Protein backbone atom coordinates (compact mmCIF):
# COMPACT_ATOMS: atom_id res chain seq x y z
CA MET A 1 70.37 61.11 -5.51
CA ARG A 2 70.13 57.51 -6.76
CA THR A 3 68.05 56.56 -3.68
CA ARG A 4 65.61 59.37 -4.37
CA ALA A 5 65.18 58.23 -7.97
CA VAL A 6 64.48 54.64 -6.93
CA ALA A 7 61.88 55.82 -4.39
CA MET A 8 60.17 57.98 -7.02
CA GLY A 9 60.09 54.99 -9.42
CA LEU A 10 58.47 52.70 -6.85
CA LEU A 11 55.91 55.38 -6.01
CA LEU A 12 54.96 55.78 -9.66
CA PHE A 13 54.70 51.98 -10.04
CA VAL A 14 52.37 51.69 -7.02
CA LEU A 15 50.23 54.56 -8.28
CA SER A 16 50.00 52.95 -11.70
CA VAL A 17 48.98 49.60 -10.19
CA ALA A 18 46.29 51.18 -8.01
CA ALA A 19 44.88 52.89 -11.03
CA ILE A 20 44.35 49.62 -12.96
CA PRO A 21 40.54 49.14 -13.02
CA ALA A 22 38.81 45.68 -12.75
CA GLU A 23 37.67 44.33 -16.10
CA GLN A 24 33.90 43.76 -16.40
CA LEU A 25 33.30 40.41 -18.13
CA GLU A 26 30.36 39.66 -20.39
CA SER A 27 29.05 36.17 -21.08
CA VAL A 28 30.41 34.54 -24.21
CA ASN A 29 27.70 31.87 -24.48
CA SER A 30 24.62 30.43 -22.78
CA ILE A 31 23.52 26.85 -22.13
CA GLU A 32 19.87 25.78 -22.02
CA ASP A 33 19.04 22.35 -20.60
CA THR A 34 15.74 21.26 -22.16
CA THR A 35 15.78 17.98 -20.22
CA VAL A 36 15.05 19.79 -16.93
CA THR A 37 11.83 21.50 -15.86
CA TRP A 38 12.86 24.55 -13.84
CA GLU A 39 10.84 26.16 -11.12
CA GLY A 40 9.09 29.10 -12.75
CA ASN A 41 10.48 30.14 -16.12
CA ALA A 42 13.58 28.30 -17.25
CA THR A 43 16.72 30.48 -17.25
CA PRO A 44 19.91 29.74 -19.19
CA THR A 45 23.32 29.09 -17.70
CA LEU A 46 25.67 31.93 -18.70
CA VAL A 47 29.25 31.09 -19.72
CA TYR A 48 32.09 33.48 -18.80
CA GLU A 49 35.67 33.09 -20.02
CA GLY A 50 38.57 35.30 -19.04
CA ILE A 51 42.31 35.48 -18.59
CA LEU A 52 44.39 37.20 -15.92
CA SER A 53 47.42 38.52 -17.81
CA ASP A 54 49.45 40.05 -14.96
CA PRO A 55 49.63 39.82 -11.16
CA GLN A 56 47.43 42.90 -10.63
CA ASP A 57 44.72 41.87 -13.11
CA VAL A 58 41.20 41.70 -11.60
CA ASP A 59 37.96 40.63 -13.36
CA ASN A 60 34.36 41.21 -12.24
CA ILE A 61 31.14 39.41 -13.25
CA SER A 62 27.91 41.25 -12.43
CA LEU A 63 25.03 39.14 -11.07
CA ALA A 64 21.31 39.77 -11.30
CA ASP A 65 20.01 41.52 -8.17
CA ALA A 66 16.24 40.91 -8.37
CA PRO A 67 14.51 40.10 -5.04
CA GLY A 68 14.61 36.40 -4.17
CA MET A 69 17.40 35.69 -6.66
CA VAL A 70 19.58 32.61 -6.08
CA HIS A 71 22.91 32.17 -7.94
CA PHE A 72 24.69 28.89 -8.62
CA ILE A 73 28.31 29.71 -9.57
CA GLN A 74 30.76 27.11 -10.88
CA LEU A 75 34.45 27.70 -11.47
CA VAL A 76 34.85 24.78 -13.85
CA HIS A 77 38.48 25.42 -14.90
CA ALA A 78 41.51 27.63 -14.24
CA ASP A 79 45.06 27.11 -15.41
CA GLU A 80 46.30 28.06 -11.94
CA PRO A 81 44.46 28.57 -8.64
CA LEU A 82 42.34 31.74 -8.56
CA ASN A 83 41.10 33.87 -5.72
CA ILE A 84 37.34 34.06 -6.36
CA GLU A 85 34.85 35.95 -4.17
CA VAL A 86 31.05 36.36 -4.34
CA ARG A 87 30.22 39.85 -3.05
CA GLU A 88 27.20 42.02 -2.38
CA ASP A 89 27.25 45.62 -1.19
CA GLY A 90 28.47 45.38 2.37
CA PHE A 91 28.65 41.58 2.46
CA THR A 92 30.79 38.71 1.18
CA HIS A 93 28.79 35.54 0.41
CA GLY A 94 31.76 33.27 -0.18
CA GLN A 95 35.45 33.10 -1.01
CA ALA A 96 37.77 30.35 -2.27
CA GLU A 97 41.23 29.84 -3.68
CA ALA A 98 41.03 26.97 -6.16
CA ASN A 99 41.12 25.73 -9.75
CA GLN A 100 37.55 24.41 -9.39
CA THR A 101 34.85 25.34 -6.89
CA THR A 102 31.14 26.14 -6.56
CA PHE A 103 29.00 28.69 -4.70
CA LEU A 104 25.24 28.74 -3.97
CA SER A 105 24.25 32.20 -2.79
CA SER A 106 21.00 34.06 -2.06
CA GLY A 107 20.79 37.70 -3.12
CA ARG A 108 19.42 40.34 -0.76
CA GLY A 109 18.26 42.82 -3.38
CA ASN A 110 21.55 44.73 -3.61
CA PRO A 111 24.11 44.73 -6.47
CA MET A 112 26.10 41.48 -6.52
CA TRP A 113 29.19 40.48 -8.40
CA ILE A 114 31.98 37.92 -8.62
CA ALA A 115 35.55 39.19 -8.14
CA ILE A 116 38.32 37.11 -9.76
CA SER A 117 41.99 37.74 -9.04
CA ASN A 118 45.31 35.90 -8.97
CA ALA A 119 46.23 33.79 -5.99
CA ASP A 120 49.91 33.31 -6.96
CA PHE A 121 50.65 34.64 -10.44
CA SER A 122 53.32 32.84 -12.47
CA SER A 123 51.93 33.12 -15.98
CA PRO A 124 48.72 34.27 -17.74
CA ASN A 125 45.84 32.38 -16.12
CA ALA A 126 42.80 31.41 -18.27
CA TYR A 127 39.57 30.38 -16.56
CA ARG A 128 35.93 29.46 -17.28
CA ILE A 129 32.94 30.20 -15.01
CA LEU A 130 29.27 29.12 -15.32
CA VAL A 131 26.52 31.15 -13.64
CA HIS A 132 22.89 30.05 -13.32
CA SER A 133 20.45 32.45 -11.63
CA ASN A 134 16.76 31.96 -10.83
CA ALA A 135 14.31 33.89 -8.64
CA ALA A 136 11.15 31.75 -9.06
CA ASP A 137 9.27 30.54 -5.98
CA GLU A 138 6.20 28.58 -7.06
CA ASP A 139 4.78 25.07 -7.17
CA VAL A 140 6.28 22.77 -9.80
CA ALA A 141 4.24 20.14 -11.66
CA LEU A 142 6.55 17.15 -12.11
CA VAL A 143 6.24 15.54 -15.55
CA GLU A 144 8.29 12.86 -17.27
CA GLN A 145 11.56 14.83 -16.98
CA THR A 146 13.65 16.01 -14.05
CA ALA A 147 12.50 19.11 -12.14
CA SER A 148 14.95 21.42 -10.36
CA GLY A 149 14.89 24.62 -8.35
CA TYR A 150 16.53 26.78 -5.71
CA ILE A 151 15.43 27.71 -2.19
CA HIS A 152 16.24 31.25 -1.02
CA GLU A 153 17.69 31.50 2.47
CA LEU A 154 14.74 33.71 3.53
CA ASP A 155 12.14 31.26 2.12
CA ASN A 156 10.76 29.44 5.17
CA ARG A 157 7.96 27.76 3.19
CA GLY A 158 10.18 25.90 0.76
CA ASP A 159 9.28 24.62 -2.69
CA ARG A 160 6.43 22.21 -3.49
CA ILE A 161 6.73 19.64 -6.28
CA TYR A 162 3.70 17.52 -7.17
CA PHE A 163 2.21 15.17 -9.76
CA LEU A 164 -0.99 13.16 -10.21
CA THR A 165 -1.41 9.44 -10.77
CA GLY A 166 -3.98 6.68 -10.42
CA GLY A 167 -4.29 3.48 -8.40
CA ASN A 168 -1.80 0.58 -8.52
CA ALA A 169 0.84 2.75 -10.22
CA GLU A 170 4.44 1.60 -9.72
CA ILE A 171 6.54 4.76 -9.47
CA GLN A 172 10.31 5.15 -9.21
CA MET A 173 11.51 8.45 -7.73
CA GLN A 174 15.00 9.94 -7.37
CA TRP A 175 15.76 13.11 -5.42
CA SER A 176 18.84 15.07 -4.46
CA GLY A 177 19.73 18.37 -2.82
CA ASN A 178 22.62 20.11 -1.14
CA PRO A 179 23.32 19.01 2.48
CA GLU A 180 21.05 21.73 3.89
CA THR A 181 17.98 20.57 1.94
CA GLU A 182 15.31 18.45 3.63
CA PHE A 183 12.51 16.58 1.80
CA THR A 184 9.02 15.64 3.07
CA GLY A 185 6.17 14.11 1.10
CA HIS A 186 2.50 13.16 1.19
CA LEU A 187 0.21 10.87 -0.81
CA THR A 188 -3.33 12.31 -0.98
CA HIS A 189 -6.35 10.35 -2.27
CA PHE A 190 -9.06 12.25 -4.12
CA PRO A 191 -11.91 12.83 -3.73
CA SER A 192 -11.68 11.54 -0.11
CA GLU A 193 -8.61 13.76 0.63
CA LEU A 194 -7.13 11.00 2.82
CA VAL A 195 -3.44 11.83 3.40
CA THR A 196 -0.62 9.29 3.85
CA PRO A 197 2.92 10.53 4.69
CA LEU A 198 5.93 9.51 2.57
CA GLU A 199 9.36 9.01 4.12
CA PHE A 200 12.42 10.85 2.72
CA ASP A 201 15.20 10.07 5.19
CA MET A 202 18.13 11.84 3.48
CA ASN A 203 18.85 14.77 1.20
CA ALA A 204 19.48 12.34 -1.68
CA GLY A 205 18.09 8.92 -2.51
CA ASN A 206 15.55 6.92 -4.47
CA MET A 207 12.44 4.84 -3.80
CA THR A 208 9.91 2.63 -5.55
CA LEU A 209 6.33 3.45 -4.58
CA ILE A 210 3.29 1.23 -5.25
CA VAL A 211 0.21 3.45 -5.11
CA PRO A 212 -2.85 1.84 -3.40
CA PRO A 213 -5.76 0.75 -5.64
CA VAL A 214 -8.82 2.92 -6.19
CA ASP A 215 -12.55 2.12 -6.11
CA SER A 216 -13.54 4.23 -9.13
CA ARG A 217 -12.06 5.19 -12.46
CA HIS A 218 -12.54 8.83 -11.43
CA ALA A 219 -10.44 8.50 -8.25
CA TRP A 220 -6.79 9.53 -8.27
CA TYR A 221 -3.81 10.35 -6.04
CA GLU A 222 -1.64 13.46 -5.72
CA ILE A 223 1.96 12.96 -4.68
CA SER A 224 3.33 16.15 -3.13
CA ILE A 225 6.98 16.68 -2.14
CA THR A 226 8.29 19.72 -0.25
CA ALA A 227 11.95 20.80 -0.28
CA GLN A 228 12.96 23.08 2.63
CA THR A 229 16.01 24.45 4.39
CA GLN A 230 16.63 25.99 7.80
CA SER A 231 17.55 29.58 6.83
CA ASN A 232 20.10 28.37 4.28
CA THR A 233 20.30 28.54 0.52
CA GLY A 234 19.27 25.22 -0.96
CA SER A 235 18.97 23.42 -4.27
CA TRP A 236 16.88 20.43 -5.23
CA SER A 237 16.33 18.05 -8.11
CA ILE A 238 13.57 15.42 -8.41
CA ALA A 239 12.79 12.89 -11.15
CA ARG A 240 10.07 10.29 -11.38
CA SER A 241 9.07 7.58 -13.81
CA ILE A 242 5.92 5.44 -13.82
CA VAL A 243 7.03 1.88 -14.55
CA SER A 244 3.63 0.16 -14.74
CA HIS A 245 1.27 0.49 -17.71
CA ALA A 246 -1.95 2.50 -17.49
CA ASP A 247 -5.42 1.27 -18.42
CA GLY A 248 -7.40 3.40 -20.82
CA GLY A 249 -10.35 5.31 -19.41
CA CYS A 250 -8.83 5.48 -15.89
CA HIS A 251 -6.24 7.69 -14.20
CA HIS A 252 -3.93 4.67 -14.19
CA ASP A 253 -5.26 1.24 -13.22
CA CYS A 254 -8.98 0.52 -13.37
CA PRO A 255 -10.58 -0.77 -10.13
CA ASP A 256 -9.87 -4.38 -9.12
CA PHE A 257 -13.16 -4.94 -7.31
CA ILE A 258 -16.83 -4.05 -7.67
CA HIS A 259 -17.67 -1.10 -5.41
CA GLU A 260 -21.43 -0.57 -5.34
CA ASN A 261 -21.11 2.96 -3.94
CA THR A 262 -19.11 4.10 -7.01
CA LEU A 263 -20.66 1.83 -9.64
CA GLN A 264 -22.95 4.53 -11.03
CA SER A 265 -20.48 7.43 -11.00
CA GLY A 266 -17.73 5.36 -12.65
CA ALA A 267 -19.81 3.72 -15.41
CA HIS A 268 -18.96 4.04 -19.13
CA PRO A 269 -22.10 4.96 -21.13
CA ILE A 270 -22.72 2.70 -24.18
CA GLU A 271 -25.76 3.20 -26.40
CA ASN A 272 -26.11 1.17 -29.63
CA THR A 273 -22.46 1.74 -30.36
CA ARG A 274 -19.02 0.20 -29.89
CA TRP A 275 -16.80 1.22 -26.98
CA GLU A 276 -13.11 0.33 -27.24
CA ASN A 277 -10.36 0.35 -24.65
CA ARG A 278 -6.85 -0.96 -24.04
CA GLY A 279 -5.78 -2.27 -20.64
CA TRP A 280 -2.98 -4.18 -18.95
CA LEU A 281 -2.84 -7.10 -16.53
CA SER A 282 0.13 -8.38 -14.51
CA GLU A 283 1.01 -10.41 -11.44
CA ASN A 284 0.15 -7.42 -9.23
CA ASP A 285 -2.97 -6.50 -11.22
CA THR A 286 -5.06 -9.55 -12.11
CA VAL A 287 -8.53 -8.00 -12.58
CA ASP A 288 -9.92 -4.86 -14.21
CA VAL A 289 -13.56 -3.93 -13.51
CA TYR A 290 -15.51 -1.88 -16.08
CA PRO A 291 -18.94 -0.61 -14.96
CA ILE A 292 -21.13 0.21 -18.00
CA PHE A 293 -24.38 2.15 -18.36
CA ILE A 294 -26.99 1.37 -21.03
CA PRO A 295 -29.51 4.22 -21.54
CA GLY A 296 -33.09 3.31 -22.32
CA GLU A 297 -36.47 2.39 -20.88
CA ILE A 298 -36.70 -0.26 -18.18
CA TRP A 299 -38.93 -2.46 -20.36
CA GLU A 300 -36.36 -2.64 -23.19
CA THR A 301 -33.98 -5.54 -23.84
CA HIS A 302 -30.43 -4.91 -25.02
CA ARG A 303 -27.85 -7.45 -26.14
CA VAL A 304 -24.39 -6.68 -24.75
CA ILE A 305 -21.43 -8.33 -26.50
CA ALA A 306 -17.83 -7.98 -25.25
CA ASN A 307 -14.81 -9.08 -27.28
CA LEU A 308 -11.08 -9.45 -26.57
CA ALA A 309 -8.52 -9.41 -29.37
CA ASP A 310 -6.48 -12.56 -30.00
CA GLY A 311 -3.51 -13.06 -27.68
CA ALA A 312 -5.09 -11.22 -24.75
CA ASN A 313 -4.13 -13.84 -22.12
CA ALA A 314 -7.36 -12.94 -20.32
CA LYS A 315 -10.95 -14.04 -19.85
CA MET A 316 -14.16 -12.13 -19.18
CA GLN A 317 -17.12 -12.17 -16.82
CA LEU A 318 -20.21 -10.19 -17.85
CA GLN A 319 -22.70 -9.40 -15.07
CA SER A 320 -26.29 -8.23 -15.48
CA TRP A 321 -27.61 -6.21 -12.52
CA ASN A 322 -31.18 -5.56 -11.41
CA ASN A 323 -31.82 -1.81 -11.70
CA SER A 324 -35.53 -1.78 -10.79
CA GLY A 325 -35.20 -2.21 -7.01
CA THR A 326 -34.18 0.17 -4.24
CA TYR A 327 -30.61 -1.07 -4.50
CA LEU A 328 -28.56 -2.44 -7.40
CA THR A 329 -28.18 -6.22 -7.12
CA PRO A 330 -26.57 -8.91 -9.36
CA LEU A 331 -29.08 -10.73 -11.56
CA ASP A 332 -27.24 -12.91 -14.11
CA VAL A 333 -23.68 -13.72 -15.19
CA ALA A 334 -21.95 -15.07 -18.31
CA HIS A 335 -18.33 -16.18 -18.80
CA GLY A 336 -16.17 -16.23 -21.92
CA ASP A 337 -12.59 -16.14 -23.16
CA LEU A 338 -12.56 -14.01 -26.32
CA THR A 339 -16.31 -13.31 -26.59
CA VAL A 340 -19.13 -13.10 -24.08
CA GLY A 341 -22.73 -11.89 -24.47
CA LEU A 342 -25.80 -11.38 -22.31
CA ASN A 343 -29.28 -9.84 -22.61
CA MET A 344 -29.85 -6.95 -20.23
CA THR A 345 -32.31 -4.23 -19.41
CA PRO A 346 -31.09 -0.61 -19.48
CA GLY A 347 -29.15 0.52 -16.44
CA TYR A 348 -25.86 -0.23 -14.74
CA HIS A 349 -23.97 -3.49 -15.32
CA ILE A 350 -20.44 -4.90 -14.91
CA LEU A 351 -17.73 -6.37 -17.13
CA LYS A 352 -14.66 -7.92 -15.49
CA VAL A 353 -11.48 -8.69 -17.43
CA ILE A 354 -9.53 -11.40 -15.55
CA ARG A 355 -5.92 -12.47 -16.10
CA ALA A 356 -5.76 -15.96 -17.60
CA ASP A 357 -4.46 -18.85 -15.49
CA GLY A 358 -0.82 -19.52 -16.30
CA ALA A 359 -0.18 -16.07 -17.80
CA SER A 360 3.22 -14.54 -17.03
CA GLY A 361 4.66 -11.05 -17.16
CA THR A 362 2.64 -7.99 -18.13
CA ASN A 363 0.08 -8.47 -20.90
CA ALA A 364 -1.95 -5.95 -22.85
CA TYR A 365 -5.52 -6.59 -23.96
CA ASP A 366 -7.75 -4.79 -26.45
CA LEU A 367 -11.39 -4.74 -25.40
CA ASN A 368 -14.51 -3.65 -27.23
CA ILE A 369 -18.09 -3.64 -25.98
CA GLN A 370 -21.13 -3.09 -28.17
CA THR A 371 -24.85 -3.04 -27.47
CA VAL A 372 -27.82 -3.78 -29.69
CA ASN A 373 -31.41 -2.88 -28.79
CA MET A 374 -33.33 -6.16 -29.19
CA THR A 375 -36.72 -4.78 -28.10
CA PRO A 376 -39.61 -5.58 -30.55
CA GLU A 377 -41.53 -2.60 -31.82
CA ASP A 378 -44.78 -3.83 -30.22
CA ALA A 379 -43.18 -4.35 -26.81
CA GLU A 380 -43.96 -0.89 -25.48
CA PRO A 381 -45.93 -1.08 -22.21
CA PHE A 382 -49.32 0.40 -21.45
CA GLU A 383 -49.01 4.18 -21.60
CA GLY A 384 -51.63 4.93 -18.95
CA GLU A 385 -50.86 5.60 -15.32
CA MET A 386 -49.61 2.48 -13.52
CA VAL A 387 -50.05 2.09 -9.77
CA ASP A 388 -47.77 -0.10 -7.69
CA ARG A 389 -50.07 -1.95 -5.24
CA TRP A 390 -47.82 -4.81 -4.14
CA LYS A 391 -47.90 -3.73 -0.50
CA GLU A 392 -51.63 -4.41 -0.34
CA PHE A 393 -50.97 -8.15 -0.89
CA ILE A 394 -48.44 -8.59 1.92
CA PRO A 395 -51.01 -9.92 4.48
CA PHE A 396 -52.27 -12.44 1.91
CA TYR A 397 -48.73 -13.67 1.19
CA ILE A 398 -48.03 -14.05 4.91
CA ALA A 399 -51.23 -16.04 5.53
CA VAL A 400 -50.63 -18.39 2.59
CA GLY A 401 -47.00 -18.89 3.62
CA ALA A 402 -47.97 -19.75 7.21
CA LEU A 403 -50.61 -22.21 6.00
CA LEU A 404 -48.16 -24.01 3.70
CA LEU A 405 -45.46 -24.19 6.36
CA ALA A 406 -47.73 -25.47 9.13
CA PRO A 407 -47.28 -29.24 8.30
CA LEU A 408 -43.51 -28.81 8.18
CA GLY A 409 -43.55 -27.04 11.52
CA TYR A 410 -45.55 -29.89 13.07
CA VAL A 411 -43.06 -32.49 11.80
CA LEU A 412 -40.08 -30.53 13.08
CA TRP A 413 -41.73 -29.99 16.46
CA SER A 414 -42.65 -33.65 16.93
CA SER A 415 -39.16 -34.93 16.06
CA ARG A 416 -37.15 -32.26 17.77
CA GLY A 417 -35.66 -34.48 20.54
CA ILE A 418 -33.43 -37.15 19.02
CA ALA A 419 -33.04 -35.29 15.72
CA LEU A 420 -31.67 -32.21 17.40
CA ASP A 421 -29.34 -34.21 19.66
CA ASN A 422 -27.74 -36.25 16.88
CA GLU A 423 -27.69 -33.72 14.03
CA VAL A 424 -24.30 -32.40 13.00
CA GLN A 425 -24.67 -29.71 10.39
CA ALA A 426 -22.71 -30.12 7.18
CA HIS A 427 -21.36 -26.58 7.38
CA GLU A 428 -20.20 -27.24 10.95
CA ARG A 429 -18.24 -30.29 9.78
CA GLY A 430 -16.59 -28.24 7.09
CA ARG A 431 -15.72 -25.52 9.56
CA LEU A 432 -14.30 -28.10 11.98
CA LYS A 433 -12.17 -29.70 9.26
CA ARG A 434 -10.63 -26.30 8.43
CA LEU A 435 -10.11 -25.57 12.12
CA ARG A 436 -8.36 -28.91 12.66
CA GLU A 437 -5.98 -28.27 9.77
CA ARG A 438 -5.33 -24.74 11.00
CA ILE A 439 -4.52 -25.89 14.56
CA MET A 440 -2.15 -28.58 13.28
CA ARG A 441 -0.39 -26.06 11.05
CA LEU A 442 -0.10 -23.43 13.80
CA ILE A 443 1.36 -25.91 16.30
CA GLU A 444 3.83 -27.45 13.85
CA SER A 445 5.03 -24.00 12.70
CA ASN A 446 5.41 -22.72 16.29
CA ALA A 447 3.00 -19.85 15.59
CA GLU A 448 2.29 -16.87 17.83
CA GLN A 449 0.45 -17.53 21.12
CA PHE A 450 -2.63 -15.43 20.22
CA GLU A 451 -3.14 -17.33 16.94
CA ILE A 452 -3.24 -20.72 18.72
CA ASP A 453 -5.50 -19.31 21.48
CA SER A 454 -7.94 -17.99 18.88
CA ALA A 455 -8.11 -21.32 17.04
CA LEU A 456 -8.68 -23.26 20.28
CA GLN A 457 -11.45 -20.87 21.33
CA MET A 458 -13.18 -21.40 17.99
CA LEU A 459 -12.83 -25.18 18.44
CA GLU A 460 -14.55 -24.96 21.84
CA GLU A 461 -17.57 -23.29 20.26
CA ILE A 462 -18.28 -26.28 17.97
CA GLN A 463 -20.60 -29.13 19.01
CA TRP A 464 -18.62 -31.72 21.03
CA ARG A 465 -19.94 -34.72 19.09
CA ALA A 466 -18.92 -33.10 15.82
CA THR A 467 -15.48 -32.40 17.24
CA ILE A 468 -14.68 -35.96 18.30
CA ALA A 469 -16.09 -37.29 15.02
CA GLU A 470 -13.90 -35.08 12.84
CA MET A 471 -10.72 -34.89 14.96
CA GLY A 472 -10.05 -38.58 14.42
CA GLU A 473 -9.34 -41.31 16.93
CA ALA A 474 -7.81 -39.93 20.12
CA ASN A 475 -4.57 -41.40 21.47
CA LEU A 476 -6.13 -41.48 24.92
CA SER A 477 -9.82 -41.43 25.96
CA HIS A 478 -11.76 -41.53 29.21
CA HIS A 479 -15.57 -41.32 29.35
CA THR A 480 -18.08 -41.21 32.21
CA GLU A 481 -21.70 -40.13 32.44
CA SER A 482 -20.68 -36.65 33.58
CA MET A 483 -17.51 -35.92 31.56
CA THR A 484 -15.29 -37.00 28.67
CA LEU A 485 -11.49 -36.61 28.49
CA LYS A 486 -9.55 -37.09 25.24
CA ALA A 487 -5.94 -36.44 24.16
CA TRP A 488 -4.39 -36.28 20.69
CA ARG A 489 -0.64 -36.28 19.94
CA ILE A 490 0.37 -33.61 17.44
CA GLY A 491 3.97 -34.33 16.56
CA GLY A 492 6.88 -34.57 18.99
CA ARG A 493 5.92 -33.65 22.54
CA ASN A 494 2.87 -31.56 21.58
CA LEU A 495 -0.55 -32.68 22.92
CA LEU A 496 -4.08 -31.42 22.34
CA VAL A 497 -6.35 -32.23 25.30
CA GLY A 498 -10.14 -31.91 25.13
CA ILE A 499 -12.43 -31.96 28.19
CA HIS A 500 -16.24 -31.97 27.87
CA VAL A 501 -18.40 -31.70 30.98
CA GLU A 502 -21.89 -33.15 30.50
CA SER A 503 -23.33 -32.34 33.92
CA ASP A 504 -22.19 -31.17 37.35
CA SER A 505 -19.55 -28.46 37.29
CA TRP A 506 -15.96 -29.24 38.36
CA GLU A 507 -14.54 -26.64 40.72
CA LEU A 508 -10.82 -26.11 41.38
CA ALA A 509 -10.14 -28.43 38.47
CA ALA A 510 -6.55 -29.43 37.69
CA LEU A 511 -4.98 -31.65 35.04
CA ARG A 512 -1.81 -33.55 35.91
CA PHE A 513 0.61 -35.49 33.70
CA VAL A 514 2.25 -38.36 35.60
CA ALA A 515 5.30 -39.97 33.93
CA THR A 516 5.48 -43.74 33.46
CA ASP A 517 8.79 -45.57 32.91
CA GLY A 518 10.98 -42.50 33.23
CA PRO A 519 11.61 -39.14 34.91
CA SER A 520 8.79 -36.69 35.54
CA TRP A 521 7.28 -34.65 32.73
CA LYS A 522 7.60 -30.89 32.78
CA LEU A 523 5.25 -28.43 31.07
CA SER A 524 7.08 -25.88 28.86
CA LYS A 525 4.15 -24.26 27.01
CA VAL A 526 0.37 -24.10 27.55
CA SER A 527 -2.25 -22.55 25.25
CA PRO A 528 -4.42 -20.77 26.09
CA VAL A 529 -2.26 -19.26 28.82
CA SER A 530 -3.04 -21.01 32.15
CA LEU A 531 -1.40 -21.28 35.53
CA PHE A 532 0.81 -24.38 35.68
CA ASP A 533 3.53 -25.79 37.90
CA GLY A 534 5.83 -28.63 36.90
CA ASP A 535 3.56 -31.33 35.50
CA GLU A 536 0.18 -29.86 36.63
CA ILE A 537 -2.17 -27.32 34.97
CA PHE A 538 -4.78 -25.44 37.05
CA LEU A 539 -8.07 -25.11 35.11
CA ASP A 540 -10.24 -23.33 37.70
CA THR A 541 -13.98 -24.12 37.13
CA LEU A 542 -15.32 -26.34 34.32
CA GLU A 543 -18.99 -25.43 33.94
CA ALA A 544 -21.63 -28.06 33.11
CA GLY A 545 -22.16 -28.33 29.36
CA SER A 546 -18.84 -26.61 28.59
CA THR A 547 -15.90 -27.76 26.46
CA ARG A 548 -12.26 -26.90 27.13
CA PHE A 549 -9.35 -27.50 24.71
CA ILE A 550 -5.73 -27.14 25.84
CA GLN A 551 -2.60 -27.34 23.69
CA LEU A 552 0.60 -28.03 25.56
CA GLU A 553 4.22 -28.93 25.04
CA LEU A 554 6.05 -31.32 27.37
CA GLU A 555 9.68 -31.69 28.27
CA GLY A 556 10.92 -35.10 29.35
CA THR A 557 12.10 -38.52 28.22
CA ALA A 558 9.61 -40.85 29.89
CA ALA A 559 8.07 -43.59 27.74
CA GLY A 560 4.48 -42.60 28.60
CA LEU A 561 2.22 -40.59 30.84
CA ASP A 562 -1.02 -40.89 32.81
CA LEU A 563 -3.59 -38.09 32.68
CA GLN A 564 -5.34 -37.26 35.95
CA LEU A 565 -8.23 -34.79 36.10
CA SER A 566 -9.14 -33.80 39.66
CA GLY A 567 -11.49 -31.33 41.26
CA LEU A 568 -14.56 -30.78 43.46
CA VAL A 569 -17.95 -31.99 42.19
CA ASP A 570 -20.87 -30.98 44.42
CA GLY A 571 -18.28 -30.08 47.04
CA LYS A 572 -16.69 -33.55 47.07
CA PRO A 573 -13.22 -34.43 45.74
CA LEU A 574 -13.33 -36.43 42.52
CA ALA A 575 -10.69 -37.67 40.09
CA ALA A 576 -10.93 -38.99 36.53
CA ILE A 577 -8.03 -41.28 35.52
CA PRO A 578 -7.96 -43.16 32.15
CA ALA A 579 -7.43 -46.90 32.43
CA ARG A 580 -4.25 -46.89 30.33
CA ALA A 581 -1.24 -44.61 29.85
CA LEU A 582 -0.48 -42.54 26.78
CA LEU A 583 2.67 -43.90 25.09
CA MET A 584 4.85 -40.97 23.95
CA ASP A 585 7.32 -43.15 21.98
CA ASP A 586 4.56 -44.91 20.01
CA ASP A 587 4.73 -43.85 16.33
């Protein structure tokens, strides 16, 4: 009898437990983060608080079931571990037993809910859960605050985040996503639509990007970033800040150079008024170019005056351009520190603001430009029809020019022999001096082979007499009627050898370095690249009238060396050997 009573009691207890329904929780608060720009319309984070009072207690939280909905669920606190499950009709998205955990789940259009129950009940268990849900799937314009969004597991296109900027902008970007999120990016120039890829190697990181300069104040760049997953639910967050200062009147930095193809489209119109602007200069941005347009008739004269406020740490260059020809061309220029002025005709002109020498850091400048029409009232031209007949005078100009130049031509023709042989052009000397310094620097710095080869080739193209005059006294020389051989020491064991053939080509030519007072020399490097063996370089054919320069590096400890040039001249063996040796230990 007692056994039957106990059995009946247990049965009633089980039936009573099975009949306990799950409690449906409602949010007790909501949190709105105004510092984040959400994809689509911003949605609040809902706060749920509950308590499991006995072992059989179960709580449910209903989730929005709109198509494309993504839910971010955070169990932020529980007194004791909970059993928490994210369910949808016929499917379980996730399950955990913990005091704190998170879920990121994509809805499939069916009713969804969170089931909360005890894992191991010992006392009433209080907990707090945050739920943020968002179904937006659209492009996000990134502004000065962080942008965030979710990627549904069925969204194979991903989310696009973009923003616009101008040239020379220094931008710092930070991005993050869950492990399944991948980022790709592109930098697109407008209006050319030239695309440059951006590298995002990980699902979280940061970078500093220097945007390339632009050629017009109307040009700009679009930075586009795409967040994607491979059939997984994803989250992303991106922030950017533009560190550098922007110039007024441009998308960011005004052009650094004068671009004739965009001068007209990028000009600021100024007509008998004052135009004001603020700009910035720094170590990475030393010039700002401002094209201006002055309306009016071509026969008018306008005074253009540009001013910089005190403390600008900049100077100005005002350029007047000729607008009457087929193409725009520079006509006149004026320089000034705080003020500069110039008379101009109507049309397109240029003002350059240049960073002052010795300036440091980033400096702002306040610029104003004003124009005044200086044209007298009686300066208006003839109002009848004017005919341009300059082409009819071209034959006359040609005839007069030929007549005036005839005596000069006779003098040049009569003195062409010796004058042409001995003349060394001033510009050629300057070029040679720069080449000599460049070759010395390349050899001493152990530069790349192609750089030395290029410099030597350029040296061969210069007149031989100019070369030996500007290269300085050679350490070793040998001269005959048909050829000249010279050698210069260039630090350590480096030599520069020059060979000039006046007449009669040398075939199968070879240059040998014979050691004196010591072991044999060995060639370790030859420029330009030539076939060599031990102490001998094979030069092939030296044509008549040609010049050959060779830079080489020797290995050895001998006190000096003899240079021997050998080859076939008119089919006969011939050798050229200087009378003395080149001393390698002579400082």
